[in-house]
Amino acid sequence: MNGYTAAHKTYPLGTVVRVTNPANGKSLEVRIDDRGPFWNKRELDLSKGAATYLETKQQGVAPVHIEVISVPAVGLSANPVEHKSPKVKKLYALSKDKIVINNYAYIDPEETNVPVEFGRFKELFEAKEYESELKAHLAFSYILKYEKFYKIKSFLPANETSAKKVLKKLKKLGLIHEYGLFWSYK
C-alpha cells in the first residue's frame, strides 16, 4: 500500500507506467500489480504511497497523464513464464527500421484519437527527419525531449480497424517495423 504501484483493468501485470499529475508536474513510475478500478470512469487506482507522492491523495480522484514505459515479455507472449518476475527494460533510442508500435489503451467511446509513441531518436535531426516522413500519413505529430533522446508522439484513430489500416500502410512504407494494438473499450 505504501509502495509505488497501481491497479489497471487491462495492462498486463508488471507493466510500468509513468503517471504525471498535471496540477503540479510531479511524475512517478509505478508498476501495475493489481486489477481495477471497477467503478465510474476511473482508469487507474494508485497505491497510497504513489498518491501521496503525486499529491493526489487528498483529492481522492484526480486527473493524471499515463504513459506506458515498459511491458513485461509475458504480456507480449501467448506462453506464460513461470517462477520469474518480469524485468523492466529501459527503452533506448531506436533507428526507424527498428520501430515497433506497442500501444496499450483503454478507450472511451467518445474518444476519436489515441496518443501513440512512434519512435525514440538520439539526435534531434533524426527525429525531425522521421517526423516529416510521418506527417505525410498522420494528421498531427510532435517531438518531445526526454532524458538523452527525442520521442515522437502522434495519434491514431480510436477505431481499431482504422488504426490498423494506418499502421499497415506505415509498415508497408518502411516507417515502422512491426505493430501491436492492445486496446479495450469502455
N, C-alpha and C. Protein backbone atom coordinates (compact mmCIF):
# COMPACT_ATOMS: atom_id res chain seq x y z
N MET A 1 0.82 -1.20 0.00
CA MET A 1 0.00 0.00 0.00
C MET A 1 0.86 1.26 0.00
N ASN A 2 2.05 1.21 0.58
CA ASN A 2 2.91 2.41 0.61
C ASN A 2 3.95 2.41 -0.51
N GLY A 3 3.96 1.36 -1.33
CA GLY A 3 4.88 1.30 -2.45
C GLY A 3 4.37 2.12 -3.62
N TYR A 4 5.13 2.14 -4.70
CA TYR A 4 4.75 2.86 -5.90
C TYR A 4 4.16 1.88 -6.90
N THR A 5 2.88 1.56 -6.68
CA THR A 5 2.18 0.60 -7.51
C THR A 5 0.81 1.16 -7.88
N ALA A 6 0.12 0.43 -8.78
CA ALA A 6 -1.22 0.85 -9.20
C ALA A 6 -1.99 -0.34 -9.71
N ALA A 7 -3.30 -0.15 -9.84
CA ALA A 7 -4.18 -1.15 -10.43
C ALA A 7 -4.71 -0.60 -11.75
N HIS A 8 -4.84 -1.48 -12.74
CA HIS A 8 -5.39 -1.11 -14.04
C HIS A 8 -6.23 -2.29 -14.54
N LYS A 9 -7.28 -2.00 -15.32
CA LYS A 9 -8.17 -3.06 -15.78
C LYS A 9 -7.54 -3.98 -16.81
N THR A 10 -6.70 -3.45 -17.71
CA THR A 10 -6.26 -4.26 -18.85
C THR A 10 -4.76 -4.38 -19.05
N TYR A 11 -3.94 -3.45 -18.57
CA TYR A 11 -2.50 -3.56 -18.79
C TYR A 11 -1.99 -4.87 -18.17
N PRO A 12 -1.06 -5.56 -18.84
CA PRO A 12 -0.50 -6.78 -18.24
C PRO A 12 0.14 -6.47 -16.89
N LEU A 13 -0.04 -7.38 -15.93
CA LEU A 13 0.59 -7.19 -14.63
C LEU A 13 2.10 -7.13 -14.82
N GLY A 14 2.74 -6.19 -14.14
CA GLY A 14 4.17 -5.98 -14.30
C GLY A 14 4.49 -4.82 -15.23
N THR A 15 3.48 -4.30 -15.93
CA THR A 15 3.69 -3.13 -16.79
C THR A 15 4.10 -1.94 -15.93
N VAL A 16 5.05 -1.16 -16.42
CA VAL A 16 5.47 0.05 -15.71
C VAL A 16 4.93 1.26 -16.48
N VAL A 17 4.25 2.14 -15.76
CA VAL A 17 3.71 3.36 -16.38
C VAL A 17 4.23 4.58 -15.63
N ARG A 18 4.40 5.67 -16.38
CA ARG A 18 4.75 6.94 -15.76
C ARG A 18 3.44 7.71 -15.56
N VAL A 19 3.17 8.08 -14.33
CA VAL A 19 1.97 8.83 -14.00
C VAL A 19 2.39 10.25 -13.67
N THR A 20 1.76 11.24 -14.32
CA THR A 20 2.09 12.64 -14.08
C THR A 20 0.84 13.37 -13.60
N ASN A 21 1.01 14.12 -12.53
CA ASN A 21 -0.07 14.97 -12.02
C ASN A 21 0.06 16.32 -12.74
N PRO A 22 -0.84 16.65 -13.66
CA PRO A 22 -0.72 17.91 -14.41
C PRO A 22 -0.88 19.15 -13.53
N ALA A 23 -1.49 18.99 -12.37
CA ALA A 23 -1.69 20.14 -11.47
C ALA A 23 -0.38 20.65 -10.88
N ASN A 24 0.60 19.73 -10.66
CA ASN A 24 1.86 20.18 -10.06
C ASN A 24 3.09 19.72 -10.85
N GLY A 25 2.89 18.94 -11.92
CA GLY A 25 4.00 18.50 -12.75
C GLY A 25 4.79 17.32 -12.18
N LYS A 26 4.40 16.82 -11.00
CA LYS A 26 5.12 15.69 -10.40
C LYS A 26 4.86 14.42 -11.21
N SER A 27 5.91 13.62 -11.37
CA SER A 27 5.85 12.40 -12.16
C SER A 27 6.43 11.25 -11.37
N LEU A 28 5.92 10.04 -11.62
CA LEU A 28 6.37 8.87 -10.88
C LEU A 28 6.14 7.63 -11.73
N GLU A 29 7.12 6.71 -11.73
CA GLU A 29 6.92 5.44 -12.41
C GLU A 29 6.36 4.44 -11.40
N VAL A 30 5.25 3.80 -11.78
CA VAL A 30 4.61 2.81 -10.92
C VAL A 30 4.44 1.51 -11.70
N ARG A 31 4.41 0.41 -10.97
CA ARG A 31 4.23 -0.92 -11.58
C ARG A 31 2.78 -1.35 -11.37
N ILE A 32 2.15 -1.84 -12.44
CA ILE A 32 0.79 -2.37 -12.35
C ILE A 32 0.87 -3.74 -11.68
N ASP A 33 0.24 -3.85 -10.50
CA ASP A 33 0.31 -5.12 -9.76
C ASP A 33 -1.06 -5.64 -9.33
N ASP A 34 -2.12 -4.99 -9.84
CA ASP A 34 -3.47 -5.39 -9.43
C ASP A 34 -4.46 -4.99 -10.51
N ARG A 35 -5.70 -5.49 -10.42
CA ARG A 35 -6.76 -5.13 -11.35
C ARG A 35 -7.71 -4.14 -10.70
N GLY A 36 -8.31 -3.30 -11.52
CA GLY A 36 -9.26 -2.29 -11.05
C GLY A 36 -8.88 -0.96 -11.65
N PRO A 37 -9.51 0.10 -11.29
CA PRO A 37 -10.75 0.20 -10.51
C PRO A 37 -11.95 -0.21 -11.37
N PHE A 38 -12.98 -0.69 -10.72
CA PHE A 38 -14.13 -1.22 -11.44
C PHE A 38 -15.40 -0.39 -11.23
N TRP A 39 -15.24 0.89 -11.00
CA TRP A 39 -16.40 1.75 -10.87
C TRP A 39 -16.13 3.08 -11.54
N ASN A 40 -17.19 3.78 -11.86
CA ASN A 40 -17.12 5.07 -12.56
C ASN A 40 -16.29 4.94 -13.83
N LYS A 41 -15.67 6.02 -14.27
CA LYS A 41 -14.85 6.01 -15.48
C LYS A 41 -13.38 6.11 -15.13
N ARG A 42 -13.03 5.71 -13.91
CA ARG A 42 -11.63 5.79 -13.49
C ARG A 42 -10.80 4.76 -14.23
N GLU A 43 -9.59 5.15 -14.62
CA GLU A 43 -8.72 4.27 -15.39
C GLU A 43 -7.64 3.62 -14.55
N LEU A 44 -7.22 4.30 -13.48
CA LEU A 44 -6.07 3.84 -12.71
C LEU A 44 -6.36 4.04 -11.23
N ASP A 45 -5.91 3.09 -10.42
CA ASP A 45 -6.07 3.21 -8.97
C ASP A 45 -4.66 3.17 -8.37
N LEU A 46 -4.18 4.32 -7.91
CA LEU A 46 -2.83 4.42 -7.35
C LEU A 46 -2.78 3.90 -5.92
N SER A 47 -1.64 3.34 -5.55
CA SER A 47 -1.43 2.96 -4.15
C SER A 47 -1.37 4.23 -3.30
N LYS A 48 -1.50 4.07 -2.01
CA LYS A 48 -1.43 5.20 -1.08
C LYS A 48 -0.09 5.93 -1.21
N GLY A 49 1.00 5.16 -1.33
CA GLY A 49 2.34 5.76 -1.45
C GLY A 49 2.47 6.59 -2.72
N ALA A 50 1.98 6.07 -3.84
CA ALA A 50 2.06 6.79 -5.11
C ALA A 50 1.17 8.04 -5.08
N ALA A 51 -0.04 7.90 -4.57
CA ALA A 51 -0.96 9.05 -4.49
C ALA A 51 -0.41 10.14 -3.58
N THR A 52 0.23 9.74 -2.49
CA THR A 52 0.84 10.72 -1.58
C THR A 52 1.96 11.47 -2.29
N TYR A 53 2.84 10.73 -2.98
CA TYR A 53 3.95 11.36 -3.68
C TYR A 53 3.46 12.35 -4.75
N LEU A 54 2.45 11.94 -5.51
CA LEU A 54 1.93 12.79 -6.60
C LEU A 54 0.99 13.89 -6.09
N GLU A 55 0.70 13.86 -4.78
CA GLU A 55 -0.19 14.84 -4.14
C GLU A 55 -1.61 14.79 -4.71
N THR A 56 -2.11 13.56 -4.93
CA THR A 56 -3.49 13.37 -5.36
C THR A 56 -4.32 12.70 -4.26
N LYS A 57 -3.66 12.27 -3.19
CA LYS A 57 -4.33 11.52 -2.13
C LYS A 57 -5.45 12.32 -1.47
N GLN A 58 -5.21 13.58 -1.19
CA GLN A 58 -6.22 14.41 -0.52
C GLN A 58 -7.48 14.56 -1.35
N GLN A 59 -7.31 14.63 -2.68
CA GLN A 59 -8.45 14.78 -3.58
C GLN A 59 -9.25 13.49 -3.69
N GLY A 60 -8.57 12.36 -3.56
CA GLY A 60 -9.24 11.08 -3.74
C GLY A 60 -9.25 10.66 -5.20
N VAL A 61 -9.80 11.49 -6.06
CA VAL A 61 -9.83 11.25 -7.51
C VAL A 61 -9.27 12.49 -8.18
N ALA A 62 -8.33 12.29 -9.09
CA ALA A 62 -7.69 13.43 -9.77
C ALA A 62 -7.31 13.05 -11.19
N PRO A 63 -7.34 14.01 -12.11
CA PRO A 63 -6.87 13.70 -13.47
C PRO A 63 -5.35 13.56 -13.48
N VAL A 64 -4.86 12.55 -14.20
CA VAL A 64 -3.42 12.33 -14.35
C VAL A 64 -3.15 11.93 -15.79
N HIS A 65 -1.89 12.07 -16.20
CA HIS A 65 -1.46 11.61 -17.52
C HIS A 65 -0.73 10.29 -17.32
N ILE A 66 -1.05 9.29 -18.16
CA ILE A 66 -0.45 7.96 -18.04
C ILE A 66 0.31 7.65 -19.32
N GLU A 67 1.57 7.19 -19.16
CA GLU A 67 2.39 6.81 -20.31
C GLU A 67 3.03 5.45 -20.02
N VAL A 68 2.84 4.49 -20.91
CA VAL A 68 3.43 3.16 -20.73
C VAL A 68 4.94 3.25 -20.97
N ILE A 69 5.72 2.81 -20.00
CA ILE A 69 7.18 2.81 -20.09
C ILE A 69 7.68 1.45 -20.57
N SER A 70 7.19 0.37 -19.99
CA SER A 70 7.61 -0.95 -20.41
C SER A 70 6.53 -1.97 -20.09
N VAL A 71 6.56 -3.04 -20.86
CA VAL A 71 5.61 -4.14 -20.69
C VAL A 71 6.43 -5.41 -20.54
N PRO A 72 6.13 -6.24 -19.56
CA PRO A 72 6.91 -7.46 -19.39
C PRO A 72 6.74 -8.39 -20.58
N ALA A 73 7.75 -9.15 -20.87
CA ALA A 73 7.73 -10.06 -22.01
C ALA A 73 6.52 -10.99 -21.95
N VAL A 74 6.12 -11.41 -20.77
CA VAL A 74 4.97 -12.30 -20.63
C VAL A 74 3.69 -11.62 -21.13
N GLY A 75 3.63 -10.30 -21.04
CA GLY A 75 2.46 -9.56 -21.52
C GLY A 75 2.37 -9.54 -23.03
N LEU A 76 3.48 -9.82 -23.72
CA LEU A 76 3.51 -9.81 -25.17
C LEU A 76 3.51 -11.22 -25.74
N SER A 77 3.39 -12.23 -24.88
CA SER A 77 3.54 -13.62 -25.30
C SER A 77 2.30 -14.42 -24.98
N ALA A 78 2.06 -15.44 -25.78
CA ALA A 78 0.95 -16.35 -25.51
C ALA A 78 1.38 -17.43 -24.52
N ASN A 79 2.68 -17.58 -24.29
CA ASN A 79 3.19 -18.61 -23.39
C ASN A 79 3.53 -18.02 -22.03
N PRO A 80 2.91 -18.51 -20.96
CA PRO A 80 3.22 -17.96 -19.64
C PRO A 80 4.64 -18.30 -19.19
N VAL A 81 5.24 -17.37 -18.46
CA VAL A 81 6.57 -17.60 -17.88
C VAL A 81 6.37 -17.90 -16.40
N GLU A 82 6.84 -19.06 -15.98
CA GLU A 82 6.61 -19.47 -14.59
C GLU A 82 7.81 -19.16 -13.70
N HIS A 83 7.52 -18.77 -12.48
CA HIS A 83 8.50 -18.56 -11.42
C HIS A 83 9.56 -17.51 -11.75
N LYS A 84 9.25 -16.57 -12.61
CA LYS A 84 10.18 -15.49 -12.90
C LYS A 84 9.43 -14.17 -12.81
N SER A 85 9.98 -13.24 -12.07
CA SER A 85 9.34 -11.93 -12.04
C SER A 85 9.76 -11.17 -13.29
N PRO A 86 8.84 -10.38 -13.87
CA PRO A 86 9.17 -9.67 -15.10
C PRO A 86 10.25 -8.62 -14.89
N LYS A 87 11.15 -8.50 -15.86
CA LYS A 87 12.20 -7.49 -15.80
C LYS A 87 11.73 -6.25 -16.56
N VAL A 88 12.02 -5.09 -16.02
CA VAL A 88 11.66 -3.84 -16.68
C VAL A 88 12.88 -3.36 -17.43
N LYS A 89 12.74 -3.23 -18.74
CA LYS A 89 13.86 -2.77 -19.55
C LYS A 89 13.72 -1.29 -19.82
N LYS A 90 14.81 -0.57 -19.73
CA LYS A 90 14.82 0.83 -20.08
C LYS A 90 14.84 0.93 -21.61
N LEU A 91 14.00 1.79 -22.17
CA LEU A 91 13.93 1.93 -23.61
C LEU A 91 14.96 2.95 -24.07
N TYR A 92 15.73 2.58 -25.06
CA TYR A 92 16.75 3.47 -25.59
C TYR A 92 16.37 3.91 -27.00
N ALA A 93 17.10 4.86 -27.52
CA ALA A 93 16.82 5.39 -28.85
C ALA A 93 16.91 4.30 -29.91
N LEU A 94 16.05 4.40 -30.89
CA LEU A 94 15.96 3.40 -31.95
C LEU A 94 16.13 4.05 -33.31
N SER A 95 16.60 3.28 -34.27
CA SER A 95 16.59 3.76 -35.65
C SER A 95 15.22 3.41 -36.22
N LYS A 96 14.79 4.13 -37.26
CA LYS A 96 13.42 3.95 -37.74
C LYS A 96 13.14 2.55 -38.27
N ASP A 97 14.16 1.83 -38.75
CA ASP A 97 13.91 0.48 -39.25
C ASP A 97 13.67 -0.52 -38.13
N LYS A 98 13.80 -0.10 -36.88
CA LYS A 98 13.57 -0.98 -35.74
C LYS A 98 12.34 -0.56 -34.92
N ILE A 99 11.60 0.42 -35.38
CA ILE A 99 10.48 0.94 -34.60
C ILE A 99 9.33 -0.06 -34.56
N VAL A 100 8.93 -0.40 -33.34
CA VAL A 100 7.80 -1.29 -33.12
C VAL A 100 6.77 -0.52 -32.31
N ILE A 101 5.56 -0.47 -32.79
CA ILE A 101 4.48 0.22 -32.08
C ILE A 101 3.74 -0.81 -31.23
N ASN A 102 3.84 -0.69 -29.91
CA ASN A 102 3.05 -1.47 -28.98
C ASN A 102 2.24 -0.47 -28.17
N ASN A 103 0.95 -0.41 -28.43
CA ASN A 103 0.13 0.59 -27.76
C ASN A 103 -0.94 -0.10 -26.92
N TYR A 104 -0.98 0.26 -25.65
CA TYR A 104 -1.98 -0.25 -24.71
C TYR A 104 -2.91 0.90 -24.38
N ALA A 105 -4.21 0.71 -24.57
CA ALA A 105 -5.13 1.81 -24.30
C ALA A 105 -6.48 1.26 -23.84
N TYR A 106 -7.10 2.02 -22.98
CA TYR A 106 -8.48 1.77 -22.54
C TYR A 106 -9.26 2.96 -23.06
N ILE A 107 -10.08 2.77 -24.07
CA ILE A 107 -10.62 3.87 -24.86
C ILE A 107 -12.08 4.16 -24.52
N ASP A 108 -12.33 5.42 -24.26
CA ASP A 108 -13.68 5.91 -24.01
C ASP A 108 -14.42 6.00 -25.34
N PRO A 109 -15.71 5.66 -25.39
CA PRO A 109 -16.45 5.71 -26.66
C PRO A 109 -16.46 7.08 -27.32
N GLU A 110 -16.30 8.15 -26.54
CA GLU A 110 -16.32 9.50 -27.12
C GLU A 110 -14.97 9.90 -27.73
N GLU A 111 -13.91 9.14 -27.44
CA GLU A 111 -12.60 9.48 -27.98
C GLU A 111 -12.54 9.20 -29.48
N THR A 112 -11.90 10.11 -30.21
CA THR A 112 -11.74 9.92 -31.65
C THR A 112 -10.30 9.55 -32.01
N ASN A 113 -9.36 9.89 -31.14
CA ASN A 113 -7.94 9.60 -31.40
C ASN A 113 -7.28 9.04 -30.15
N VAL A 114 -6.22 8.24 -30.37
CA VAL A 114 -5.47 7.64 -29.28
C VAL A 114 -4.00 8.06 -29.43
N PRO A 115 -3.37 8.62 -28.36
CA PRO A 115 -1.96 9.00 -28.46
C PRO A 115 -1.05 7.78 -28.55
N VAL A 116 -0.03 7.88 -29.41
CA VAL A 116 0.89 6.76 -29.64
C VAL A 116 2.30 7.30 -29.78
N GLU A 117 3.27 6.59 -29.20
CA GLU A 117 4.67 6.95 -29.37
C GLU A 117 5.19 6.26 -30.62
N PHE A 118 5.79 7.04 -31.53
CA PHE A 118 6.25 6.50 -32.79
C PHE A 118 7.75 6.35 -32.90
N GLY A 119 8.51 6.70 -31.91
CA GLY A 119 9.93 6.46 -32.02
C GLY A 119 10.74 7.24 -31.01
N ARG A 120 11.96 6.79 -30.81
CA ARG A 120 12.92 7.46 -29.93
C ARG A 120 14.23 7.56 -30.71
N PHE A 121 14.79 8.76 -30.74
CA PHE A 121 15.99 9.01 -31.51
C PHE A 121 17.03 9.72 -30.67
N LYS A 122 18.30 9.40 -30.90
CA LYS A 122 19.40 10.03 -30.15
C LYS A 122 19.59 11.47 -30.56
N GLU A 123 19.42 11.75 -31.85
CA GLU A 123 19.68 13.10 -32.38
C GLU A 123 18.38 13.76 -32.82
N LEU A 124 18.30 15.07 -32.57
CA LEU A 124 17.11 15.83 -32.95
C LEU A 124 16.88 15.80 -34.46
N PHE A 125 17.96 15.89 -35.25
CA PHE A 125 17.78 15.90 -36.70
C PHE A 125 17.18 14.58 -37.19
N GLU A 126 17.52 13.45 -36.54
CA GLU A 126 16.94 12.16 -36.90
C GLU A 126 15.43 12.14 -36.60
N ALA A 127 15.09 12.68 -35.43
CA ALA A 127 13.67 12.75 -35.04
C ALA A 127 12.89 13.63 -36.01
N LYS A 128 13.46 14.78 -36.38
CA LYS A 128 12.77 15.69 -37.30
C LYS A 128 12.60 15.05 -38.68
N GLU A 129 13.61 14.34 -39.13
CA GLU A 129 13.54 13.68 -40.44
C GLU A 129 12.43 12.62 -40.45
N TYR A 130 12.40 11.81 -39.39
CA TYR A 130 11.37 10.77 -39.30
C TYR A 130 9.98 11.38 -39.15
N GLU A 131 9.87 12.42 -38.32
CA GLU A 131 8.58 13.07 -38.12
C GLU A 131 8.05 13.65 -39.43
N SER A 132 8.92 14.23 -40.25
CA SER A 132 8.46 14.79 -41.53
C SER A 132 7.93 13.68 -42.45
N GLU A 133 8.52 12.50 -42.39
CA GLU A 133 8.01 11.36 -43.17
C GLU A 133 6.65 10.91 -42.63
N LEU A 134 6.50 10.90 -41.29
CA LEU A 134 5.22 10.50 -40.68
C LEU A 134 4.10 11.48 -41.02
N LYS A 135 4.43 12.78 -41.02
CA LYS A 135 3.41 13.81 -41.24
C LYS A 135 2.67 13.65 -42.56
N ALA A 136 3.31 13.01 -43.52
CA ALA A 136 2.64 12.78 -44.81
C ALA A 136 1.49 11.79 -44.66
N HIS A 137 1.48 11.02 -43.55
CA HIS A 137 0.48 9.97 -43.38
C HIS A 137 -0.37 10.12 -42.12
N LEU A 138 0.05 10.98 -41.21
CA LEU A 138 -0.68 11.24 -39.97
C LEU A 138 -0.98 12.73 -39.86
N ALA A 139 -2.15 13.06 -39.37
CA ALA A 139 -2.56 14.46 -39.34
C ALA A 139 -1.71 15.33 -38.42
N PHE A 140 -1.24 14.78 -37.31
CA PHE A 140 -0.56 15.61 -36.32
C PHE A 140 0.50 14.78 -35.61
N SER A 141 1.67 15.36 -35.39
CA SER A 141 2.71 14.71 -34.59
C SER A 141 3.59 15.79 -33.97
N TYR A 142 4.33 15.43 -32.95
CA TYR A 142 5.23 16.37 -32.30
C TYR A 142 6.40 15.63 -31.68
N ILE A 143 7.47 16.37 -31.39
CA ILE A 143 8.69 15.80 -30.84
C ILE A 143 8.85 16.29 -29.40
N LEU A 144 9.18 15.37 -28.50
CA LEU A 144 9.44 15.71 -27.10
C LEU A 144 10.87 15.34 -26.74
N LYS A 145 11.56 16.20 -26.02
CA LYS A 145 12.90 15.87 -25.50
C LYS A 145 12.69 15.11 -24.20
N TYR A 146 13.34 13.95 -24.09
CA TYR A 146 13.20 13.13 -22.89
C TYR A 146 14.56 12.55 -22.54
N GLU A 147 15.08 12.92 -21.39
CA GLU A 147 16.40 12.49 -20.95
C GLU A 147 17.42 12.70 -22.06
N LYS A 148 17.98 11.60 -22.61
CA LYS A 148 19.04 11.74 -23.61
C LYS A 148 18.57 11.42 -25.02
N PHE A 149 17.27 11.46 -25.25
CA PHE A 149 16.77 11.19 -26.60
C PHE A 149 15.50 11.98 -26.87
N TYR A 150 15.01 11.86 -28.09
CA TYR A 150 13.81 12.57 -28.53
C TYR A 150 12.74 11.56 -28.87
N LYS A 151 11.51 11.82 -28.39
CA LYS A 151 10.38 10.94 -28.66
C LYS A 151 9.45 11.63 -29.66
N ILE A 152 8.87 10.84 -30.55
CA ILE A 152 7.87 11.37 -31.47
C ILE A 152 6.52 10.82 -31.04
N LYS A 153 5.59 11.72 -30.83
CA LYS A 153 4.23 11.35 -30.45
C LYS A 153 3.29 11.74 -31.57
N SER A 154 2.27 10.91 -31.76
CA SER A 154 1.24 11.22 -32.73
C SER A 154 -0.05 10.57 -32.26
N PHE A 155 -1.02 10.50 -33.13
CA PHE A 155 -2.32 9.95 -32.77
C PHE A 155 -2.81 9.00 -33.86
N LEU A 156 -3.49 7.95 -33.43
CA LEU A 156 -4.15 7.03 -34.35
C LEU A 156 -5.65 7.16 -34.14
N PRO A 157 -6.45 6.80 -35.14
CA PRO A 157 -7.90 6.81 -34.93
C PRO A 157 -8.26 5.85 -33.79
N ALA A 158 -9.26 6.21 -32.98
CA ALA A 158 -9.67 5.37 -31.85
C ALA A 158 -10.37 4.10 -32.32
N ASN A 159 -10.81 4.06 -33.55
CA ASN A 159 -11.39 2.86 -34.12
C ASN A 159 -10.25 1.91 -34.48
N GLU A 160 -10.24 0.71 -33.89
CA GLU A 160 -9.11 -0.21 -34.06
C GLU A 160 -8.90 -0.62 -35.52
N THR A 161 -9.98 -0.82 -36.25
CA THR A 161 -9.85 -1.20 -37.66
C THR A 161 -9.16 -0.09 -38.46
N SER A 162 -9.58 1.15 -38.23
CA SER A 162 -8.96 2.30 -38.92
C SER A 162 -7.51 2.47 -38.51
N ALA A 163 -7.22 2.29 -37.22
CA ALA A 163 -5.85 2.43 -36.72
C ALA A 163 -4.94 1.37 -37.35
N LYS A 164 -5.41 0.13 -37.44
CA LYS A 164 -4.60 -0.93 -38.05
C LYS A 164 -4.36 -0.66 -39.53
N LYS A 165 -5.32 -0.06 -40.18
CA LYS A 165 -5.16 0.30 -41.60
C LYS A 165 -4.00 1.28 -41.76
N VAL A 166 -3.95 2.29 -40.88
CA VAL A 166 -2.87 3.28 -40.90
C VAL A 166 -1.53 2.59 -40.62
N LEU A 167 -1.49 1.74 -39.61
CA LEU A 167 -0.24 1.07 -39.23
C LEU A 167 0.24 0.11 -40.32
N LYS A 168 -0.67 -0.58 -40.98
CA LYS A 168 -0.29 -1.46 -42.10
C LYS A 168 0.35 -0.65 -43.22
N LYS A 169 -0.21 0.53 -43.49
CA LYS A 169 0.35 1.39 -44.52
C LYS A 169 1.75 1.85 -44.13
N LEU A 170 1.93 2.27 -42.87
CA LEU A 170 3.24 2.73 -42.40
C LEU A 170 4.27 1.59 -42.45
N LYS A 171 3.82 0.37 -42.15
CA LYS A 171 4.72 -0.78 -42.22
C LYS A 171 5.12 -1.04 -43.68
N LYS A 172 4.15 -0.99 -44.57
CA LYS A 172 4.42 -1.22 -45.99
C LYS A 172 5.41 -0.18 -46.53
N LEU A 173 5.30 1.06 -46.03
CA LEU A 173 6.19 2.14 -46.47
C LEU A 173 7.56 2.08 -45.79
N GLY A 174 7.73 1.17 -44.82
CA GLY A 174 9.01 1.05 -44.12
C GLY A 174 9.20 2.05 -43.00
N LEU A 175 8.12 2.71 -42.57
CA LEU A 175 8.24 3.70 -41.49
C LEU A 175 8.17 3.06 -40.10
N ILE A 176 7.64 1.85 -40.02
CA ILE A 176 7.68 1.08 -38.77
C ILE A 176 8.04 -0.36 -39.14
N HIS A 177 8.56 -1.07 -38.15
CA HIS A 177 8.98 -2.45 -38.38
C HIS A 177 7.83 -3.42 -38.10
N GLU A 178 7.09 -3.17 -37.02
CA GLU A 178 6.00 -4.05 -36.59
C GLU A 178 5.06 -3.26 -35.71
N TYR A 179 3.88 -3.81 -35.40
CA TYR A 179 2.95 -3.12 -34.51
C TYR A 179 2.06 -4.11 -33.79
N GLY A 180 1.50 -3.65 -32.67
CA GLY A 180 0.52 -4.41 -31.90
C GLY A 180 -0.34 -3.44 -31.12
N LEU A 181 -1.65 -3.54 -31.29
CA LEU A 181 -2.58 -2.72 -30.52
C LEU A 181 -3.26 -3.61 -29.50
N PHE A 182 -3.20 -3.21 -28.25
CA PHE A 182 -3.82 -3.95 -27.17
C PHE A 182 -4.85 -3.02 -26.53
N TRP A 183 -5.96 -2.89 -27.23
CA TRP A 183 -6.97 -1.90 -26.85
C TRP A 183 -8.20 -2.60 -26.29
N SER A 184 -8.82 -1.92 -25.32
CA SER A 184 -10.14 -2.33 -24.86
C SER A 184 -10.99 -1.06 -24.81
N TYR A 185 -12.28 -1.25 -24.87
CA TYR A 185 -13.19 -0.11 -24.94
C TYR A 185 -14.10 -0.10 -23.73
N LYS A 186 -14.34 1.12 -23.24
CA LYS A 186 -15.22 1.27 -22.07
C LYS A 186 -16.64 0.95 -22.45
